[in-house]
N, C-alpha and C. Protein backbone atom coordinates (compact mmCIF):
# COMPACT_ATOMS: atom_id res chain seq x y z
N MET A 1 0.87 -1.13 0.14
CA MET A 1 0.06 -0.01 0.20
C MET A 1 0.93 1.27 0.00
N GLY A 2 0.13 2.29 0.18
CA GLY A 2 1.17 3.59 -0.03
C GLY A 2 0.76 4.44 -1.17
N CYS A 3 2.00 5.54 -1.22
CA CYS A 3 1.43 6.03 -2.56
C CYS A 3 2.37 5.82 -3.69
N ARG A 4 1.91 6.22 -4.87
CA ARG A 4 2.82 6.04 -6.06
C ARG A 4 3.24 7.74 -6.61
N SER A 5 3.84 7.78 -6.92
CA SER A 5 4.70 9.18 -7.16
C SER A 5 4.76 9.61 -8.69
N HIS A 6 4.54 10.16 -9.27
CA HIS A 6 4.78 10.78 -10.66
C HIS A 6 5.53 12.00 -10.61
N SER A 7 6.78 11.80 -11.18
CA SER A 7 7.88 12.86 -10.64
C SER A 7 8.13 13.36 -12.31
N GLY A 8 8.04 15.15 -12.41
CA GLY A 8 8.38 15.49 -13.52
C GLY A 8 9.58 16.57 -13.15
N ALA A 9 10.08 17.11 -14.27
CA ALA A 9 11.00 18.30 -13.82
C ALA A 9 10.71 19.02 -12.95
N PHE A 10 9.54 19.67 -13.08
CA PHE A 10 8.81 20.88 -12.32
C PHE A 10 8.07 20.73 -11.37
N ALA A 11 7.26 19.12 -11.02
CA ALA A 11 6.23 18.76 -9.84
C ALA A 11 6.43 17.51 -9.84
N THR A 12 6.01 17.27 -8.62
CA THR A 12 5.62 16.14 -8.33
C THR A 12 4.24 15.96 -7.78
N LEU A 13 3.83 14.93 -8.34
CA LEU A 13 2.25 14.69 -8.06
C LEU A 13 2.24 13.20 -7.34
N HIS A 14 1.58 13.08 -6.04
CA HIS A 14 1.71 11.88 -5.18
C HIS A 14 -0.14 11.15 -5.15
N VAL A 15 -0.35 9.77 -5.91
CA VAL A 15 -1.61 9.63 -6.31
C VAL A 15 -1.51 8.14 -5.61
N ALA A 16 -2.24 8.18 -4.72
CA ALA A 16 -2.64 7.14 -3.93
C ALA A 16 -2.83 5.62 -4.74
N ASP A 17 -2.51 4.45 -4.58
CA ASP A 17 -2.69 3.38 -4.96
C ASP A 17 -4.05 3.08 -5.27
N VAL A 18 -4.83 2.34 -6.41
CA VAL A 18 -6.16 1.79 -6.59
C VAL A 18 -7.19 1.70 -5.91
N GLU A 19 -6.32 1.12 -4.54
CA GLU A 19 -7.59 0.76 -3.41
C GLU A 19 -7.58 2.20 -3.06
N LYS A 20 -6.40 2.83 -2.58
CA LYS A 20 -7.16 4.22 -1.71
C LYS A 20 -6.86 5.65 -2.43
N LYS A 21 -7.11 5.53 -3.73
CA LYS A 21 -6.86 6.76 -4.99
C LYS A 21 -7.74 7.58 -4.19
N THR A 22 -6.94 9.25 -4.33
CA THR A 22 -7.22 10.04 -3.97
C THR A 22 -7.20 11.16 -4.82
N ASP A 23 -8.55 12.28 -4.74
CA ASP A 23 -8.83 13.29 -5.83
C ASP A 23 -8.27 14.37 -5.46
N SER A 24 -7.50 14.54 -4.64
CA SER A 24 -6.91 16.01 -4.50
C SER A 24 -5.40 16.18 -4.42
N SER A 25 -5.08 17.20 -4.80
CA SER A 25 -3.39 17.42 -4.33
C SER A 25 -3.22 18.59 -4.11
N GLY A 26 -1.79 19.07 -3.82
CA GLY A 26 -1.49 20.36 -3.45
C GLY A 26 -0.46 21.03 -4.34
N ALA A 27 -0.26 22.14 -4.48
CA ALA A 27 0.76 22.57 -5.42
C ALA A 27 1.60 23.72 -4.97
N LYS A 28 2.80 23.59 -5.25
CA LYS A 28 3.85 24.40 -4.39
C LYS A 28 4.72 24.72 -5.57
N GLN A 29 5.10 26.01 -5.92
CA GLN A 29 6.34 26.41 -6.57
C GLN A 29 7.39 26.57 -5.72
N ALA A 30 8.87 26.37 -6.58
CA ALA A 30 10.38 26.12 -6.11
C ALA A 30 10.80 27.89 -5.56
N TYR A 31 10.25 28.71 -6.79
CA TYR A 31 10.56 30.02 -6.79
C TYR A 31 9.67 31.08 -6.36
N LYS A 32 10.01 31.54 -4.76
CA LYS A 32 9.37 32.45 -4.44
C LYS A 32 9.84 33.78 -3.63
N ALA A 33 11.19 34.58 -4.01
CA ALA A 33 11.64 35.68 -3.81
C ALA A 33 11.42 36.74 -4.59
N VAL A 34 10.77 37.40 -4.13
CA VAL A 34 10.12 38.68 -4.70
C VAL A 34 11.23 39.82 -5.47
N GLY A 35 12.44 39.82 -4.56
CA GLY A 35 13.56 40.51 -5.28
C GLY A 35 14.24 39.79 -6.17
N GLU A 36 14.49 38.89 -6.16
CA GLU A 36 15.33 37.51 -6.83
C GLU A 36 14.46 37.68 -8.66
N SER A 37 13.29 37.81 -8.16
CA SER A 37 12.54 37.61 -9.43
C SER A 37 12.47 38.81 -10.19
N THR A 38 12.83 39.96 -9.56
CA THR A 38 13.53 40.97 -10.34
C THR A 38 14.14 40.84 -11.29
N GLU A 39 15.45 40.03 -10.84
CA GLU A 39 16.66 40.15 -11.39
C GLU A 39 16.30 38.80 -12.59
N ILE A 40 15.66 37.60 -12.06
CA ILE A 40 15.60 36.85 -13.39
C ILE A 40 14.29 36.28 -13.42
N PRO A 41 13.56 37.30 -14.43
CA PRO A 41 11.95 37.03 -14.59
C PRO A 41 11.71 36.03 -14.87
N LEU A 42 12.50 35.67 -16.04
CA LEU A 42 12.11 34.46 -17.23
C LEU A 42 12.26 33.29 -16.56
N THR A 43 13.13 33.17 -15.30
CA THR A 43 13.29 32.09 -14.27
C THR A 43 12.08 31.81 -13.79
N TYR A 44 11.40 33.28 -13.02
CA TYR A 44 10.35 33.06 -12.17
C TYR A 44 9.11 32.40 -13.32
N TYR A 45 9.04 33.15 -14.25
CA TYR A 45 7.83 33.13 -14.82
C TYR A 45 7.80 31.34 -15.46
N HIS A 46 8.78 31.22 -16.31
CA HIS A 46 8.89 29.62 -16.53
C HIS A 46 9.04 28.52 -15.65
N ASN A 47 9.18 28.37 -14.44
CA ASN A 47 9.11 27.71 -13.43
C ASN A 47 8.11 27.52 -12.96
N ASN A 48 7.38 29.00 -12.18
CA ASN A 48 6.28 28.97 -11.68
C ASN A 48 4.92 28.19 -12.17
N VAL A 49 4.95 29.06 -13.65
CA VAL A 49 3.76 28.55 -14.38
C VAL A 49 3.85 27.27 -14.98
N THR A 50 5.14 26.89 -15.47
CA THR A 50 5.22 25.48 -15.65
C THR A 50 4.97 24.14 -14.91
N ALA A 51 5.48 24.57 -13.67
CA ALA A 51 5.16 23.86 -12.83
C ALA A 51 3.74 23.65 -12.32
N THR A 52 2.94 24.52 -12.35
CA THR A 52 1.55 24.55 -12.32
C THR A 52 0.82 23.87 -13.39
N LEU A 53 1.11 24.14 -14.75
CA LEU A 53 0.80 23.47 -15.58
C LEU A 53 0.67 22.01 -15.88
N TYR A 54 2.25 21.21 -15.71
CA TYR A 54 2.65 20.48 -15.52
C TYR A 54 2.09 19.27 -14.29
N LEU A 55 1.81 20.07 -13.21
CA LEU A 55 1.20 19.75 -12.08
C LEU A 55 -0.38 19.27 -12.56
N LEU A 56 -0.93 20.54 -13.22
CA LEU A 56 -2.76 20.20 -13.57
C LEU A 56 -2.81 19.00 -14.57
N GLN A 57 -1.52 18.86 -15.50
CA GLN A 57 -1.63 18.05 -16.38
C GLN A 57 -1.54 16.61 -15.97
N ILE A 58 -0.76 16.48 -14.77
CA ILE A 58 -0.70 14.95 -13.93
C ILE A 58 -1.94 14.93 -13.42
N MET A 59 -2.58 15.59 -12.98
CA MET A 59 -3.50 15.80 -12.12
C MET A 59 -4.80 15.17 -13.00
N SER A 60 -4.65 15.26 -14.18
CA SER A 60 -5.83 15.15 -15.44
C SER A 60 -5.53 13.65 -15.39
N GLU A 61 -4.49 13.55 -15.99
CA GLU A 61 -4.09 12.10 -16.23
C GLU A 61 -4.63 11.13 -15.19
N PHE A 62 -4.67 11.36 -13.94
CA PHE A 62 -4.79 10.72 -12.62
C PHE A 62 -6.19 10.31 -12.23
N ASP A 63 -7.04 11.69 -12.93
CA ASP A 63 -8.63 12.04 -12.81
C ASP A 63 -8.61 12.65 -11.05
N CYS A 64 -7.29 13.26 -11.14
CA CYS A 64 -7.33 14.23 -9.67
C CYS A 64 -8.04 15.43 -9.72
N THR A 65 -9.23 15.54 -9.15
CA THR A 65 -9.71 17.05 -9.46
C THR A 65 -9.76 18.19 -8.51
N ARG A 66 -9.26 17.96 -7.60
CA ARG A 66 -9.10 18.96 -6.57
C ARG A 66 -7.92 19.55 -5.96
N LEU A 67 -7.63 20.49 -5.55
CA LEU A 67 -6.35 20.93 -5.57
C LEU A 67 -6.75 22.28 -4.74
N VAL A 68 -5.55 22.37 -3.61
CA VAL A 68 -5.20 23.50 -2.65
C VAL A 68 -4.09 23.98 -3.28
N TYR A 69 -4.08 25.02 -3.51
CA TYR A 69 -3.35 26.34 -3.90
C TYR A 69 -2.67 27.16 -3.56
N SER A 70 -1.47 27.27 -2.99
CA SER A 70 -0.90 28.47 -1.85
C SER A 70 -0.49 29.32 -2.96
N SER A 71 -1.20 30.65 -2.95
CA SER A 71 -0.85 31.77 -3.56
C SER A 71 0.24 32.52 -2.54
N SER A 72 -0.06 33.61 -2.79
CA SER A 72 0.98 34.59 -2.02
C SER A 72 0.25 36.00 -2.10
N ALA A 73 0.09 36.71 -0.97
CA ALA A 73 -0.42 38.10 -0.89
C ALA A 73 0.36 39.31 -1.90
N THR A 74 1.53 38.59 -2.05
CA THR A 74 2.27 39.56 -3.18
C THR A 74 1.17 39.88 -4.28
N VAL A 75 0.11 39.05 -4.93
CA VAL A 75 -0.38 39.11 -5.83
C VAL A 75 -1.35 40.73 -5.75
N TYR A 76 -1.17 40.95 -4.48
CA TYR A 76 -1.92 42.21 -4.58
C TYR A 76 -1.17 43.85 -4.48
N GLY A 77 0.10 43.50 -4.59
CA GLY A 77 1.02 44.57 -5.00
C GLY A 77 1.39 45.49 -3.59
N THR A 78 0.80 46.77 -3.67
CA THR A 78 1.29 47.66 -2.49
C THR A 78 -0.04 47.60 -1.82
N PRO A 79 -0.68 47.01 -1.04
CA PRO A 79 -2.20 47.17 -0.45
C PRO A 79 -2.40 48.47 -0.06
N PRO A 80 -3.44 48.91 -0.03
CA PRO A 80 -4.17 50.04 0.27
C PRO A 80 -4.63 49.78 1.73
N VAL A 81 -4.80 48.64 2.22
CA VAL A 81 -5.00 48.59 3.45
C VAL A 81 -4.15 47.22 4.26
N VAL A 82 -4.45 47.43 5.27
CA VAL A 82 -3.60 45.81 6.41
C VAL A 82 -4.51 46.02 7.11
N PRO A 83 -4.92 44.82 7.67
CA PRO A 83 -5.09 43.17 6.67
C PRO A 83 -5.74 43.61 5.42
N ILE A 84 -5.29 42.76 4.41
CA ILE A 84 -5.57 43.12 3.10
C ILE A 84 -6.78 42.23 2.68
N PRO A 85 -8.30 42.69 2.40
CA PRO A 85 -9.12 41.79 2.28
C PRO A 85 -9.37 41.23 0.60
N GLU A 86 -9.67 40.03 0.88
CA GLU A 86 -9.45 39.03 -0.40
C GLU A 86 -10.13 39.97 -1.43
N THR A 87 -11.18 41.18 -1.55
CA THR A 87 -11.47 41.79 -2.71
C THR A 87 -10.89 42.68 -3.24
N THR A 88 -9.48 43.03 -2.61
CA THR A 88 -8.30 43.67 -2.99
C THR A 88 -8.05 43.45 -4.42
N ARG A 89 -8.24 44.30 -5.40
CA ARG A 89 -7.71 44.27 -6.73
C ARG A 89 -6.10 43.47 -7.15
N LEU A 90 -6.10 42.61 -7.79
CA LEU A 90 -4.97 41.99 -8.03
C LEU A 90 -3.93 42.93 -9.04
N LYS A 91 -2.84 43.20 -8.27
CA LYS A 91 -1.68 44.16 -8.80
C LYS A 91 -0.50 44.16 -8.64
N ALA A 92 0.36 42.79 -9.07
CA ALA A 92 1.42 42.71 -8.37
C ALA A 92 2.52 43.64 -8.66
N ASP A 93 3.18 43.67 -8.04
CA ASP A 93 4.72 44.63 -8.47
C ASP A 93 5.87 43.71 -8.92
N SER A 94 6.06 42.62 -8.95
CA SER A 94 6.98 41.55 -9.22
C SER A 94 6.71 40.48 -10.09
N PRO A 95 7.95 39.63 -11.05
CA PRO A 95 7.49 38.95 -11.39
C PRO A 95 7.09 37.64 -10.66
N TYR A 96 7.58 37.46 -9.94
CA TYR A 96 6.78 36.20 -8.42
C TYR A 96 5.72 36.86 -8.44
N GLY A 97 4.90 37.57 -8.28
CA GLY A 97 3.72 38.07 -7.74
C GLY A 97 2.56 37.96 -9.47
N GLN A 98 3.08 38.54 -10.46
CA GLN A 98 2.76 37.94 -11.73
C GLN A 98 2.52 36.75 -11.98
N SER A 99 3.72 35.97 -11.45
CA SER A 99 3.56 34.14 -11.90
C SER A 99 2.54 33.58 -11.24
N LYS A 100 2.31 34.24 -9.95
CA LYS A 100 1.30 33.73 -9.07
C LYS A 100 -0.21 33.96 -9.71
N ILE A 101 -0.30 35.20 -10.01
CA ILE A 101 -1.83 35.66 -10.53
C ILE A 101 -2.12 34.89 -12.06
N MET A 102 -0.87 34.56 -12.85
CA MET A 102 -1.09 33.83 -14.17
C MET A 102 -1.88 32.43 -13.75
N CYS A 103 -1.02 31.77 -12.78
CA CYS A 103 -1.25 30.39 -12.12
C CYS A 103 -2.72 30.35 -11.27
N GLU A 104 -3.04 31.58 -10.90
CA GLU A 104 -4.48 31.43 -10.23
C GLU A 104 -5.07 31.37 -11.44
N SER A 105 -5.25 32.38 -12.62
CA SER A 105 -5.97 32.17 -13.76
C SER A 105 -6.40 30.92 -14.45
N ILE A 106 -5.13 30.25 -14.63
CA ILE A 106 -5.06 29.12 -15.28
C ILE A 106 -6.28 28.48 -14.46
N ILE A 107 -5.90 28.03 -13.10
CA ILE A 107 -6.69 27.21 -12.30
C ILE A 107 -8.33 27.39 -11.86
N ARG A 108 -8.04 28.87 -12.21
CA ARG A 108 -9.73 29.60 -12.38
C ARG A 108 -10.23 29.10 -13.78
N ASP A 109 -9.88 29.10 -14.51
CA ASP A 109 -10.27 28.79 -16.01
C ASP A 109 -10.72 27.16 -15.81
N LEU A 110 -9.84 26.53 -15.67
CA LEU A 110 -10.50 24.80 -15.02
C LEU A 110 -11.21 24.88 -14.18
N THR A 111 -11.60 25.53 -13.32
CA THR A 111 -12.62 25.25 -12.52
C THR A 111 -13.97 25.21 -13.29
N GLN A 112 -13.95 26.02 -14.57
CA GLN A 112 -15.06 26.03 -14.91
C GLN A 112 -15.68 24.51 -15.57
N GLY A 113 -14.73 23.75 -15.51
CA GLY A 113 -14.70 22.04 -15.78
C GLY A 113 -14.76 21.46 -14.91
N VAL A 114 -13.68 20.88 -14.66
CA VAL A 114 -13.99 19.80 -13.93
C VAL A 114 -13.61 19.61 -12.44
N TYR A 115 -12.69 20.94 -12.58
CA TYR A 115 -11.78 21.22 -11.43
C TYR A 115 -12.42 21.88 -10.12
N LEU A 116 -12.11 21.42 -8.96
CA LEU A 116 -12.46 22.11 -7.89
C LEU A 116 -11.01 22.49 -7.29
N PHE A 117 -10.88 24.08 -6.77
CA PHE A 117 -9.67 24.14 -6.16
C PHE A 117 -9.86 25.20 -4.83
N CYS A 118 -9.22 25.25 -3.99
CA CYS A 118 -8.97 26.07 -2.72
C CYS A 118 -7.58 26.70 -2.87
N LEU A 119 -8.15 28.01 -2.99
CA LEU A 119 -7.13 28.88 -2.90
C LEU A 119 -6.65 29.81 -1.59
N THR A 120 -5.50 29.75 -1.38
CA THR A 120 -4.95 30.55 -0.11
C THR A 120 -3.81 31.25 -0.71
N ARG A 121 -3.94 32.49 0.11
CA ARG A 121 -3.17 33.62 0.09
C ARG A 121 -2.47 34.11 1.75
C-alpha cells in the first residue's frame, strides 16, 4: 500500500494506489523571492507557471480534480489597507507576484470544467 509518485522536471504529484485513490493534490512552486524575481524574471515565469501546468496535466491523467493552491499576498502589490481584504484588486509589483496571478487564472479557467480548488493567500 502507500502512494505512487509521478515526478517531472518541475512538479511531483503523489497519487494513492488504486485501492486508496485520492482525488486531491497540493501545489507548490520552488521559486518565491520577490526581489530575486526582478533580477531573473524569465526563470520565475518559466518555473512557476510551467510547474503549475505540469501539475495540472498530471492531475488530469490521474483523474485528480481537487487542488489546494497556496498563492501569496504579493499578488496584491502594495495594498491600500492591512489586513488585505480578499476583494482587493490583483496588481502584483514583481514577476513572482505576476506568475502567481497567472497560475491563479489558469486554475480558475479549469474550475469552469471539472476541477475544484481552494486558493490560499
